[in-house]
Amino acid sequence: IRHWELDHGQPTQRSIEQRRTAEYITPLPKP
């Protein structure tokens, strides 16, 4: 029912009150 918000793959410390949608996330900058 909720998930941690990510901004460009990095956590913002904010939780969102809904299920996270399936999506492609790149947590690290490209080399």
Full PDB file with SEQRES, HELIX, SHEET, SSBOND, CRYST1, ORIGX, SCALE, CONECT and MASTER records, all heavy atoms in Angstrom:
SEQRES   1 A   31  ILE ARG HIS TRP GLU LEU ASP HIS GLY GLN PRO THR GLN          
SEQRES   2 A   31  ARG SER ILE GLU GLN ARG ARG THR ALA GLU TYR ILE THR          
SEQRES   3 A   31  PRO LEU PRO LYS PRO                                          
SHEET    1 AA1 2 HIS A   3  ASP A   7  0                                        
SHEET    2 AA1 2 GLN A  10  ILE A  16 -1                                        
CRYST1    1.000    1.000    1.000  90.00  90.00  90.00 P 1           1          
ORIGX1      1.000000  0.000000  0.000000        0.00000                         
ORIGX2      0.000000  1.000000  0.000000        0.00000                         
ORIGX3      0.000000  0.000000  1.000000        0.00000                         
SCALE1      1.000000  0.000000  0.000000        0.00000                         
SCALE2      0.000000  1.000000  0.000000        0.00000                         
SCALE3      0.000000  0.000000  1.000000        0.00000                         
ATOM      1  N   ILE A   1       0.814  -1.220   0.000  1.00  0.00           N  
ATOM      2  CA  ILE A   1       0.000   0.000   0.000  1.00  0.00           C  
ATOM      3  C   ILE A   1       0.847   1.269   0.000  1.00  0.00           C  
ATOM      4  O   ILE A   1       0.307   2.371  -0.079  1.00  0.00           O  
ATOM      5  CB  ILE A   1      -0.962   0.026   1.201  1.00  0.00           C  
ATOM      6  CG1 ILE A   1      -0.167  -0.062   2.514  1.00  0.00           C  
ATOM      7  CG2 ILE A   1      -1.989  -1.093   1.111  1.00  0.00           C  
ATOM      8  CD1 ILE A   1      -1.030   0.132   3.756  1.00  0.00           C  
ATOM      9  N   ARG A   2       2.167   1.149   0.098  1.00  0.00           N  
ATOM     10  CA  ARG A   2       3.023   2.336   0.039  1.00  0.00           C  
ATOM     11  C   ARG A   2       4.436   1.926  -0.354  1.00  0.00           C  
ATOM     12  O   ARG A   2       4.792   0.751  -0.321  1.00  0.00           O  
ATOM     13  CB  ARG A   2       3.028   3.088   1.365  1.00  0.00           C  
ATOM     14  CG  ARG A   2       3.391   2.253   2.578  1.00  0.00           C  
ATOM     15  CD  ARG A   2       3.352   3.072   3.839  1.00  0.00           C  
ATOM     16  NE  ARG A   2       3.618   2.270   5.027  1.00  0.00           N  
ATOM     17  CZ  ARG A   2       4.003   2.758   6.193  1.00  0.00           C  
ATOM     18  NH1 ARG A   2       4.184   4.063   6.318  1.00  0.00           N  
ATOM     19  NH2 ARG A   2       4.209   1.972   7.220  1.00  0.00           N  
ATOM     20  N   HIS A   3       5.240   2.911  -0.730  1.00  0.00           N  
ATOM     21  CA  HIS A   3       6.613   2.615  -1.143  1.00  0.00           C  
ATOM     22  C   HIS A   3       7.488   3.846  -0.919  1.00  0.00           C  
ATOM     23  O   HIS A   3       7.000   4.969  -0.763  1.00  0.00           O  
ATOM     24  CB  HIS A   3       6.656   2.208  -2.616  1.00  0.00           C  
ATOM     25  CG  HIS A   3       6.277   3.321  -3.566  1.00  0.00           C  
ATOM     26  ND1 HIS A   3       4.975   3.598  -3.917  1.00  0.00           N  
ATOM     27  CD2 HIS A   3       7.040   4.236  -4.239  1.00  0.00           C  
ATOM     28  CE1 HIS A   3       4.934   4.611  -4.766  1.00  0.00           C  
ATOM     29  NE2 HIS A   3       6.177   5.028  -4.972  1.00  0.00           N  
ATOM     30  N   TRP A   4       8.792   3.597  -0.876  1.00  0.00           N  
ATOM     31  CA  TRP A   4       9.747   4.696  -0.731  1.00  0.00           C  
ATOM     32  C   TRP A   4       9.905   5.411  -2.075  1.00  0.00           C  
ATOM     33  O   TRP A   4      10.102   4.782  -3.107  1.00  0.00           O  
ATOM     34  CB  TRP A   4      11.104   4.184  -0.272  1.00  0.00           C  
ATOM     35  CG  TRP A   4      11.162   3.756   1.156  1.00  0.00           C  
ATOM     36  CD1 TRP A   4      11.349   2.503   1.638  1.00  0.00           C  
ATOM     37  CD2 TRP A   4      11.051   4.603   2.311  1.00  0.00           C  
ATOM     38  NE1 TRP A   4      11.346   2.479   3.002  1.00  0.00           N  
ATOM     39  CE2 TRP A   4      11.174   3.762   3.459  1.00  0.00           C  
ATOM     40  CE3 TRP A   4      10.862   5.966   2.502  1.00  0.00           C  
ATOM     41  CZ2 TRP A   4      11.108   4.262   4.752  1.00  0.00           C  
ATOM     42  CZ3 TRP A   4      10.801   6.462   3.801  1.00  0.00           C  
ATOM     43  CH2 TRP A   4      10.922   5.619   4.900  1.00  0.00           C  
ATOM     44  N   GLU A   5       9.827   6.723  -2.038  1.00  0.00           N  
ATOM     45  CA  GLU A   5      10.008   7.525  -3.244  1.00  0.00           C  
ATOM     46  C   GLU A   5      11.482   7.541  -3.645  1.00  0.00           C  
ATOM     47  O   GLU A   5      12.376   7.637  -2.802  1.00  0.00           O  
ATOM     48  CB  GLU A   5       9.524   8.949  -3.005  1.00  0.00           C  
ATOM     49  CG  GLU A   5       9.629   9.840  -4.230  1.00  0.00           C  
ATOM     50  CD  GLU A   5       9.247  11.275  -3.916  1.00  0.00           C  
ATOM     51  OE1 GLU A   5       9.787  11.849  -2.942  1.00  0.00           O  
ATOM     52  OE2 GLU A   5       8.393  11.827  -4.642  1.00  0.00           O  
ATOM     53  N   LEU A   6      11.719   7.429  -4.933  1.00  0.00           N  
ATOM     54  CA  LEU A   6      13.078   7.499  -5.474  1.00  0.00           C  
ATOM     55  C   LEU A   6      13.167   8.644  -6.473  1.00  0.00           C  
ATOM     56  O   LEU A   6      12.250   8.864  -7.277  1.00  0.00           O  
ATOM     57  CB  LEU A   6      13.457   6.180  -6.173  1.00  0.00           C  
ATOM     58  CG  LEU A   6      13.450   4.918  -5.300  1.00  0.00           C  
ATOM     59  CD1 LEU A   6      13.768   3.695  -6.154  1.00  0.00           C  
ATOM     60  CD2 LEU A   6      14.457   5.036  -4.155  1.00  0.00           C  
ATOM     61  N   ASP A   7      14.255   9.378  -6.431  1.00  0.00           N  
ATOM     62  CA  ASP A   7      14.509  10.455  -7.381  1.00  0.00           C  
ATOM     63  C   ASP A   7      15.784  10.109  -8.142  1.00  0.00           C  
ATOM     64  O   ASP A   7      16.875  10.126  -7.580  1.00  0.00           O  
ATOM     65  CB  ASP A   7      14.653  11.786  -6.643  1.00  0.00           C  
ATOM     66  CG  ASP A   7      14.870  12.946  -7.600  1.00  0.00           C  
ATOM     67  OD1 ASP A   7      14.592  12.788  -8.816  1.00  0.00           O  
ATOM     68  OD2 ASP A   7      15.330  14.015  -7.152  1.00  0.00           O  
ATOM     69  N   HIS A   8      15.634   9.749  -9.409  1.00  0.00           N  
ATOM     70  CA  HIS A   8      16.764   9.285 -10.212  1.00  0.00           C  
ATOM     71  C   HIS A   8      17.460   8.098  -9.533  1.00  0.00           C  
ATOM     72  O   HIS A   8      18.688   8.004  -9.510  1.00  0.00           O  
ATOM     73  CB  HIS A   8      17.766  10.416 -10.477  1.00  0.00           C  
ATOM     74  CG  HIS A   8      17.203  11.513 -11.348  1.00  0.00           C  
ATOM     75  ND1 HIS A   8      16.563  12.615 -10.815  1.00  0.00           N  
ATOM     76  CD2 HIS A   8      17.174  11.657 -12.684  1.00  0.00           C  
ATOM     77  CE1 HIS A   8      16.172  13.409 -11.809  1.00  0.00           C  
ATOM     78  NE2 HIS A   8      16.527  12.851 -12.958  1.00  0.00           N  
ATOM     79  N   GLY A   9      16.630   7.233  -8.937  1.00  0.00           N  
ATOM     80  CA  GLY A   9      17.166   6.031  -8.329  1.00  0.00           C  
ATOM     81  C   GLY A   9      17.660   6.200  -6.907  1.00  0.00           C  
ATOM     82  O   GLY A   9      18.076   5.235  -6.278  1.00  0.00           O  
ATOM     83  N   GLN A  10      17.603   7.415  -6.370  1.00  0.00           N  
ATOM     84  CA  GLN A  10      18.091   7.672  -5.015  1.00  0.00           C  
ATOM     85  C   GLN A  10      16.918   7.959  -4.079  1.00  0.00           C  
ATOM     86  O   GLN A  10      15.978   8.673  -4.451  1.00  0.00           O  
ATOM     87  CB  GLN A  10      19.062   8.856  -5.008  1.00  0.00           C  
ATOM     88  CG  GLN A  10      20.282   8.658  -5.888  1.00  0.00           C  
ATOM     89  CD  GLN A  10      21.094   7.440  -5.465  1.00  0.00           C  
ATOM     90  OE1 GLN A  10      21.271   7.166  -4.275  1.00  0.00           O  
ATOM     91  NE2 GLN A  10      21.609   6.701  -6.438  1.00  0.00           N  
ATOM     92  N   PRO A  11      16.919   7.408  -2.851  1.00  0.00           N  
ATOM     93  CA  PRO A  11      15.804   7.615  -1.922  1.00  0.00           C  
ATOM     94  C   PRO A  11      15.695   9.055  -1.456  1.00  0.00           C  
ATOM     95  O   PRO A  11      16.699   9.714  -1.193  1.00  0.00           O  
ATOM     96  CB  PRO A  11      16.143   6.684  -0.756  1.00  0.00           C  
ATOM     97  CG  PRO A  11      17.622   6.485  -0.834  1.00  0.00           C  
ATOM     98  CD  PRO A  11      17.971   6.525  -2.280  1.00  0.00           C  
ATOM     99  N   THR A  12      14.455   9.535  -1.356  1.00  0.00           N  
ATOM    100  CA  THR A  12      14.208  10.901  -0.893  1.00  0.00           C  
ATOM    101  C   THR A  12      13.789  10.932   0.580  1.00  0.00           C  
ATOM    102  O   THR A  12      13.527  12.020   1.108  1.00  0.00           O  
ATOM    103  CB  THR A  12      13.088  11.549  -1.718  1.00  0.00           C  
ATOM    104  OG1 THR A  12      11.858  10.830  -1.487  1.00  0.00           O  
ATOM    105  CG2 THR A  12      13.432  11.524  -3.205  1.00  0.00           C  
ATOM    106  N   GLN A  13      13.708   9.753   1.236  1.00  0.00           N  
ATOM    107  CA  GLN A  13      13.246   9.613   2.620  1.00  0.00           C  
ATOM    108  C   GLN A  13      11.749   9.887   2.760  1.00  0.00           C  
ATOM    109  O   GLN A  13      11.245  10.062   3.870  1.00  0.00           O  
ATOM    110  CB  GLN A  13      14.028  10.526   3.569  1.00  0.00           C  
ATOM    111  CG  GLN A  13      15.531  10.408   3.460  1.00  0.00           C  
ATOM    112  CD  GLN A  13      16.017   8.991   3.741  1.00  0.00           C  
ATOM    113  OE1 GLN A  13      15.494   8.300   4.592  1.00  0.00           O  
ATOM    114  NE2 GLN A  13      17.024   8.554   2.996  1.00  0.00           N  
ATOM    115  N   ARG A  14      11.029   9.916   1.656  1.00  0.00           N  
ATOM    116  CA  ARG A  14       9.588  10.169   1.682  1.00  0.00           C  
ATOM    117  C   ARG A  14       8.852   8.931   1.192  1.00  0.00           C  
ATOM    118  O   ARG A  14       9.227   8.336   0.188  1.00  0.00           O  
ATOM    119  CB  ARG A  14       9.264  11.355   0.784  1.00  0.00           C  
ATOM    120  CG  ARG A  14       7.777  11.683   0.647  1.00  0.00           C  
ATOM    121  CD  ARG A  14       7.582  12.996  -0.082  1.00  0.00           C  
ATOM    122  NE  ARG A  14       6.172  13.247  -0.375  1.00  0.00           N  
ATOM    123  CZ  ARG A  14       5.623  13.060  -1.556  1.00  0.00           C  
ATOM    124  NH1 ARG A  14       6.367  12.635  -2.581  1.00  0.00           N  
ATOM    125  NH2 ARG A  14       4.339  13.300  -1.754  1.00  0.00           N  
ATOM    126  N   SER A  15       7.817   8.520   1.927  1.00  0.00           N  
ATOM    127  CA  SER A  15       7.028   7.368   1.520  1.00  0.00           C  
ATOM    128  C   SER A  15       5.768   7.827   0.798  1.00  0.00           C  
ATOM    129  O   SER A  15       5.150   8.828   1.172  1.00  0.00           O  
ATOM    130  CB  SER A  15       6.652   6.505   2.725  1.00  0.00           C  
ATOM    131  OG  SER A  15       5.817   7.213   3.617  1.00  0.00           O  
ATOM    132  N   ILE A  16       5.405   7.087  -0.238  1.00  0.00           N  
ATOM    133  CA  ILE A  16       4.223   7.385  -1.040  1.00  0.00           C  
ATOM    134  C   ILE A  16       3.143   6.368  -0.699  1.00  0.00           C  
ATOM    135  O   ILE A  16       3.402   5.166  -0.675  1.00  0.00           O  
ATOM    136  CB  ILE A  16       4.551   7.324  -2.549  1.00  0.00           C  
ATOM    137  CG1 ILE A  16       5.746   8.232  -2.876  1.00  0.00           C  
ATOM    138  CG2 ILE A  16       3.332   7.715  -3.379  1.00  0.00           C  
ATOM    139  CD1 ILE A  16       5.507   9.685  -2.601  1.00  0.00           C  
ATOM    140  N   GLU A  17       1.923   6.852  -0.439  1.00  0.00           N  
ATOM    141  CA  GLU A  17       0.835   5.976  -0.007  1.00  0.00           C  
ATOM    142  C   GLU A  17       0.152   5.306  -1.197  1.00  0.00           C  
ATOM    143  O   GLU A  17      -1.028   5.508  -1.468  1.00  0.00           O  
ATOM    144  CB  GLU A  17      -0.176   6.783   0.817  1.00  0.00           C  
ATOM    145  CG  GLU A  17       0.384   7.360   2.098  1.00  0.00           C  
ATOM    146  CD  GLU A  17       0.914   6.271   3.034  1.00  0.00           C  
ATOM    147  OE1 GLU A  17       0.222   5.262   3.218  1.00  0.00           O  
ATOM    148  OE2 GLU A  17       2.027   6.451   3.569  1.00  0.00           O  
ATOM    149  N   GLN A  18       0.905   4.501  -1.914  1.00  0.00           N  
ATOM    150  CA  GLN A  18       0.345   3.674  -2.979  1.00  0.00           C  
ATOM    151  C   GLN A  18       1.395   2.652  -3.386  1.00  0.00           C  
ATOM    152  O   GLN A  18       2.564   2.771  -3.028  1.00  0.00           O  
ATOM    153  CB  GLN A  18      -0.055   4.515  -4.190  1.00  0.00           C  
ATOM    154  CG  GLN A  18       1.127   5.176  -4.896  1.00  0.00           C  
ATOM    155  CD  GLN A  18       0.702   6.034  -6.067  1.00  0.00           C  
ATOM    156  OE1 GLN A  18      -0.266   6.790  -5.970  1.00  0.00           O  
ATOM    157  NE2 GLN A  18       1.402   5.925  -7.175  1.00  0.00           N  
ATOM    158  N   ARG A  19       0.982   1.646  -4.130  1.00  0.00           N  
ATOM    159  CA  ARG A  19       1.912   0.625  -4.568  1.00  0.00           C  
ATOM    160  C   ARG A  19       2.822   1.180  -5.658  1.00  0.00           C  
ATOM    161  O   ARG A  19       2.384   1.946  -6.519  1.00  0.00           O  
ATOM    162  CB  ARG A  19       1.133  -0.575  -5.111  1.00  0.00           C  
ATOM    163  CG  ARG A  19       2.005  -1.729  -5.542  1.00  0.00           C  
ATOM    164  CD  ARG A  19       1.154  -2.914  -5.958  1.00  0.00           C  
ATOM    165  NE  ARG A  19       1.974  -4.094  -6.159  1.00  0.00           N  
ATOM    166  CZ  ARG A  19       1.482  -5.315  -6.336  1.00  0.00           C  
ATOM    167  NH1 ARG A  19       0.162  -5.495  -6.377  1.00  0.00           N  
ATOM    168  NH2 ARG A  19       2.283  -6.346  -6.484  1.00  0.00           N  
ATOM    169  N   ARG A  20       4.085   0.801  -5.622  1.00  0.00           N  
ATOM    170  CA  ARG A  20       5.016   1.253  -6.648  1.00  0.00           C  
ATOM    171  C   ARG A  20       4.700   0.559  -7.969  1.00  0.00           C  
ATOM    172  O   ARG A  20       4.465  -0.656  -8.015  1.00  0.00           O  
ATOM    173  CB  ARG A  20       6.457   0.933  -6.246  1.00  0.00           C  
ATOM    174  CG  ARG A  20       7.500   1.515  -7.216  1.00  0.00           C  
ATOM    175  CD  ARG A  20       8.880   0.959  -6.940  1.00  0.00           C  
ATOM    176  NE  ARG A  20       9.327   1.209  -5.581  1.00  0.00           N  
ATOM    177  CZ  ARG A  20       9.841   2.353  -5.167  1.00  0.00           C  
ATOM    178  NH1 ARG A  20       9.973   3.359  -6.018  1.00  0.00           N  
ATOM    179  NH2 ARG A  20      10.234   2.493  -3.909  1.00  0.00           N  
ATOM    180  N   THR A  21       4.688   1.319  -9.036  1.00  0.00           N  
ATOM    181  CA  THR A  21       4.497   0.704 -10.345  1.00  0.00           C  
ATOM    182  C   THR A  21       5.792   0.043 -10.800  1.00  0.00           C  
ATOM    183  O   THR A  21       6.888   0.440 -10.385  1.00  0.00           O  
ATOM    184  CB  THR A  21       4.070   1.744 -11.388  1.00  0.00           C  
ATOM    185  OG1 THR A  21       5.078   2.776 -11.463  1.00  0.00           O  
ATOM    186  CG2 THR A  21       2.740   2.376 -11.016  1.00  0.00           C  
ATOM    187  N   ALA A  22       5.666  -0.976 -11.616  1.00  0.00           N  
ATOM    188  CA  ALA A  22       6.849  -1.626 -12.170  1.00  0.00           C  
ATOM    189  C   ALA A  22       7.480  -0.697 -13.199  1.00  0.00           C  
ATOM    190  O   ALA A  22       6.824  -0.241 -14.126  1.00  0.00           O  
ATOM    191  CB  ALA A  22       6.467  -2.952 -12.815  1.00  0.00           C  
ATOM    192  N   GLU A  23       8.747  -0.385 -13.012  1.00  0.00           N  
ATOM    193  CA  GLU A  23       9.445   0.513 -13.934  1.00  0.00           C  
ATOM    194  C   GLU A  23      10.944   0.270 -13.840  1.00  0.00           C  
ATOM    195  O   GLU A  23      11.433  -0.330 -12.889  1.00  0.00           O  
ATOM    196  CB  GLU A  23       9.134   1.975 -13.603  1.00  0.00           C  
ATOM    197  CG  GLU A  23       9.515   2.374 -12.182  1.00  0.00           C  
ATOM    198  CD  GLU A  23       9.132   3.799 -11.852  1.00  0.00           C  
ATOM    199  OE1 GLU A  23       9.239   4.649 -12.756  1.00  0.00           O  
ATOM    200  OE2 GLU A  23       8.740   4.065 -10.711  1.00  0.00           O  
ATOM    201  N   TYR A  24      11.645   0.737 -14.844  1.00  0.00           N  
ATOM    202  CA  TYR A  24      13.100   0.577 -14.894  1.00  0.00           C  
ATOM    203  C   TYR A  24      13.747   1.693 -14.093  1.00  0.00           C  
ATOM    204  O   TYR A  24      13.467   2.873 -14.306  1.00  0.00           O  
ATOM    205  CB  TYR A  24      13.572   0.614 -16.353  1.00  0.00           C  
ATOM    206  CG  TYR A  24      15.034   0.293 -16.528  1.00  0.00           C  
ATOM    207  CD1 TYR A  24      15.457  -1.021 -16.678  1.00  0.00           C  
ATOM    208  CD2 TYR A  24      15.996   1.301 -16.567  1.00  0.00           C  
ATOM    209  CE1 TYR A  24      16.794  -1.330 -16.861  1.00  0.00           C  
ATOM    210  CE2 TYR A  24      17.336   1.006 -16.737  1.00  0.00           C  
ATOM    211  CZ  TYR A  24      17.726  -0.321 -16.886  1.00  0.00           C  
ATOM    212  OH  TYR A  24      19.060  -0.623 -17.066  1.00  0.00           O  
ATOM    213  N   ILE A  25      14.593   1.328 -13.134  1.00  0.00           N  
ATOM    214  CA  ILE A  25      15.258   2.312 -12.278  1.00  0.00           C  
ATOM    215  C   ILE A  25      16.764   2.117 -12.367  1.00  0.00           C  
ATOM    216  O   ILE A  25      17.265   0.997 -12.219  1.00  0.00           O  
ATOM    217  CB  ILE A  25      14.805   2.171 -10.813  1.00  0.00           C  
ATOM    218  CG1 ILE A  25      13.306   2.455 -10.694  1.00  0.00           C  
ATOM    219  CG2 ILE A  25      15.576   3.114  -9.906  1.00  0.00           C  
ATOM    220  CD1 ILE A  25      12.748   2.214  -9.313  1.00  0.00           C  
ATOM    221  N   THR A  26      17.492   3.190 -12.616  1.00  0.00           N  
ATOM    222  CA  THR A  26      18.949   3.148 -12.640  1.00  0.00           C  
ATOM    223  C   THR A  26      19.464   3.888 -11.408  1.00  0.00           C  
ATOM    224  O   THR A  26      19.471   5.122 -11.370  1.00  0.00           O  
ATOM    225  CB  THR A  26      19.504   3.814 -13.916  1.00  0.00           C  
ATOM    226  OG1 THR A  26      18.912   3.197 -15.055  1.00  0.00           O  
ATOM    227  CG2 THR A  26      21.014   3.642 -13.996  1.00  0.00           C  
ATOM    228  N   PRO A  27      19.871   3.171 -10.355  1.00  0.00           N  
ATOM    229  CA  PRO A  27      20.248   3.837  -9.106  1.00  0.00           C  
ATOM    230  C   PRO A  27      21.607   4.510  -9.134  1.00  0.00           C  
ATOM    231  O   PRO A  27      21.907   5.327  -8.293  1.00  0.00           O  
ATOM    232  CB  PRO A  27      20.246   2.684  -8.100  1.00  0.00           C  
ATOM    233  CG  PRO A  27      20.562   1.481  -8.923  1.00  0.00           C  
ATOM    234  CD  PRO A  27      19.930   1.716 -10.261  1.00  0.00           C  
ATOM    235  N   LEU A  28      22.443   4.183 -10.080  1.00  0.00           N  
ATOM    236  CA  LEU A  28      23.783   4.747 -10.147  1.00  0.00           C  
ATOM    237  C   LEU A  28      23.966   5.499 -11.461  1.00  0.00           C  
ATOM    238  O   LEU A  28      23.389   5.128 -12.485  1.00  0.00           O  
ATOM    239  CB  LEU A  28      24.843   3.636 -10.054  1.00  0.00           C  
ATOM    240  CG  LEU A  28      24.846   2.826  -8.750  1.00  0.00           C  
ATOM    241  CD1 LEU A  28      25.859   1.697  -8.843  1.00  0.00           C  
ATOM    242  CD2 LEU A  28      25.153   3.720  -7.556  1.00  0.00           C  
ATOM    243  N   PRO A  29      24.772   6.570 -11.442  1.00  0.00           N  
ATOM    244  CA  PRO A  29      25.009   7.300 -12.700  1.00  0.00           C  
ATOM    245  C   PRO A  29      25.740   6.427 -13.703  1.00  0.00           C  
ATOM    246  O   PRO A  29      26.505   5.537 -13.341  1.00  0.00           O  
ATOM    247  CB  PRO A  29      25.876   8.482 -12.243  1.00  0.00           C  
ATOM    248  CG  PRO A  29      26.513   8.023 -10.982  1.00  0.00           C  
ATOM    249  CD  PRO A  29      25.509   7.139 -10.309  1.00  0.00           C  
ATOM    250  N   LYS A  30      25.474   6.692 -14.960  1.00  0.00           N  
ATOM    251  CA  LYS A  30      26.124   5.915 -16.003  1.00  0.00           C  
ATOM    252  C   LYS A  30      27.629   6.200 -16.006  1.00  0.00           C  
ATOM    253  O   LYS A  30      28.059   7.329 -15.754  1.00  0.00           O  
ATOM    254  CB  LYS A  30      25.532   6.268 -17.369  1.00  0.00           C  
ATOM    255  CG  LYS A  30      24.055   5.888 -17.506  1.00  0.00           C  
ATOM    256  CD  LYS A  30      23.532   6.245 -18.878  1.00  0.00           C  
ATOM    257  CE  LYS A  30      22.075   5.857 -19.016  1.00  0.00           C  
ATOM    258  NZ  LYS A  30      21.544   6.202 -20.358  1.00  0.00           N  
ATOM    259  N   PRO A  31      28.451   5.205 -16.272  1.00  0.00           N  
ATOM    260  CA  PRO A  31      29.900   5.431 -16.291  1.00  0.00           C  
ATOM    261  C   PRO A  31      30.298   6.357 -17.432  1.00  0.00           C  
ATOM    262  O   PRO A  31      29.632   6.434 -18.454  1.00  0.00           O  
ATOM    263  CB  PRO A  31      30.465   4.019 -16.492  1.00  0.00           C  
ATOM    264  CG  PRO A  31      29.360   3.260 -17.137  1.00  0.00           C  
ATOM    265  CD  PRO A  31      28.085   3.820 -16.587  1.00  0.00           C  
TER     266      PRO A  31                                                      
MASTER        0    0    0    0    2    0    0    6  265    1    0    3          
END                                                                             
